[in-house]
């Protein structure tokens, strides 16, 4: 049985080859038409999609909502830093 990873790679390879066929046919063949154009534009459109994005709460290193509000509120309540004794300005 074929693993899911192998199937995804095979599908990507086939679709990539189809896209390149359409682009090269559009560029080199004077009789290229609507089908090749649709495949080329559709493949380009898919490449622009942010498919590697995840919701913020699931992203590695993501910060919680309201972080800036809490940070600003905390900064307003803290006293100004003081110089240690014996130091010159």
Protein backbone atom coordinates (compact mmCIF):
# COMPACT_ATOMS: atom_id res chain seq x y z
CA UNK A 1 0.00 0.00 0.00
CA UNK A 2 1.26 3.49 -0.83
CA UNK A 3 1.90 5.80 2.10
CA UNK A 4 0.20 9.19 2.27
CA UNK A 5 3.55 10.97 1.98
CA UNK A 6 4.43 9.12 -1.22
CA UNK A 7 0.99 9.82 -2.68
CA UNK A 8 1.31 13.54 -1.92
CA UNK A 9 4.74 13.69 -3.53
CA UNK A 10 3.54 11.83 -6.62
CA UNK A 11 0.54 14.16 -6.94
CA UNK A 12 2.79 17.21 -6.57
CA UNK A 13 5.16 15.86 -9.20
CA UNK A 14 2.35 15.15 -11.68
CA UNK A 15 0.67 18.52 -11.13
CA UNK A 16 4.02 20.32 -11.38
CA UNK A 17 4.80 18.58 -14.66
CA UNK A 18 1.34 19.49 -15.99
CA UNK A 19 1.89 23.12 -15.00
CA UNK A 20 5.30 23.25 -16.69
CA UNK A 21 3.83 21.65 -19.81
CA UNK A 22 1.19 24.37 -19.96
CA UNK A 23 3.67 27.20 -19.38
CA UNK A 24 6.16 25.91 -21.96
CA UNK A 25 3.39 25.32 -24.49
CA UNK A 26 2.14 28.89 -23.99
CA UNK A 27 5.64 30.25 -24.43
CA UNK A 28 6.78 28.14 -27.37
CA UNK A 29 3.70 27.04 -29.32
CA UNK A 30 1.82 29.63 -31.38
CA UNK A 31 -1.37 27.53 -31.30
CA UNK A 32 -1.61 27.29 -27.49
CA UNK A 33 -5.02 28.16 -26.21
CA UNK A 34 -7.35 28.63 -23.31
CA UNK A 35 -6.70 25.27 -21.66
CA UNK A 36 -2.98 25.88 -21.29
CA UNK A 37 -3.63 29.41 -20.04
CA UNK A 38 -6.12 28.19 -17.45
CA UNK A 39 -3.71 25.53 -16.17
CA UNK A 40 -0.83 28.00 -15.99
CA UNK A 41 -2.84 30.70 -14.22
CA UNK A 42 -4.46 28.20 -11.87
CA UNK A 43 -1.12 26.75 -10.86
CA UNK A 44 0.33 30.19 -10.30
CA UNK A 45 -2.69 31.14 -8.20
CA UNK A 46 -2.24 28.06 -6.03
CA UNK A 47 1.40 28.93 -5.46
CA UNK A 48 0.39 32.28 -3.98
CA UNK A 49 -1.89 30.74 -1.34
CA UNK A 50 -0.45 30.76 2.19
CA UNK A 51 -0.76 26.99 2.67
CA UNK A 52 1.85 26.84 5.40
CA UNK A 53 0.00 29.18 7.74
CA UNK A 54 -1.54 27.89 10.95
CA UNK A 55 -3.90 29.61 13.38
CA UNK A 56 -2.02 31.91 15.72
CA UNK A 57 -2.90 29.95 18.87
CA UNK A 58 -1.33 26.80 17.37
CA UNK A 59 1.82 28.43 15.95
CA UNK A 60 5.12 27.68 17.64
CA UNK A 61 6.23 30.66 19.71
CA UNK A 62 2.94 32.51 19.30
CA UNK A 63 2.12 35.10 21.91
CA UNK A 64 -1.27 35.39 23.52
CA UNK A 65 -3.91 37.97 22.72
CA UNK A 66 -3.63 41.19 24.70
CA UNK A 67 0.13 40.89 25.20
CA UNK A 68 0.82 44.46 24.12
CA UNK A 69 -1.95 45.81 26.33
CA UNK A 70 -0.54 44.01 29.37
CA UNK A 71 3.00 45.12 28.55
CA UNK A 72 1.98 48.77 28.18
CA UNK A 73 -0.10 48.68 31.33
CA UNK A 74 2.83 47.18 33.21
CA UNK A 75 5.26 49.78 31.85
CA UNK A 76 3.03 52.62 33.04
CA UNK A 77 2.87 51.26 36.57
CA UNK A 78 6.60 50.64 37.02
CA UNK A 79 8.73 53.38 38.58
CA UNK A 80 11.46 54.95 36.51
CA UNK A 81 14.85 53.21 36.81
CA UNK A 82 17.22 54.79 39.32
CA UNK A 83 21.00 55.07 39.18
CA UNK A 84 23.07 53.14 41.67
CA UNK A 85 24.75 55.15 44.39
CA UNK A 86 28.10 56.61 43.54
CA UNK A 87 27.52 56.69 39.78
CA UNK A 88 27.93 59.88 37.82
CA UNK A 89 25.56 61.11 35.10
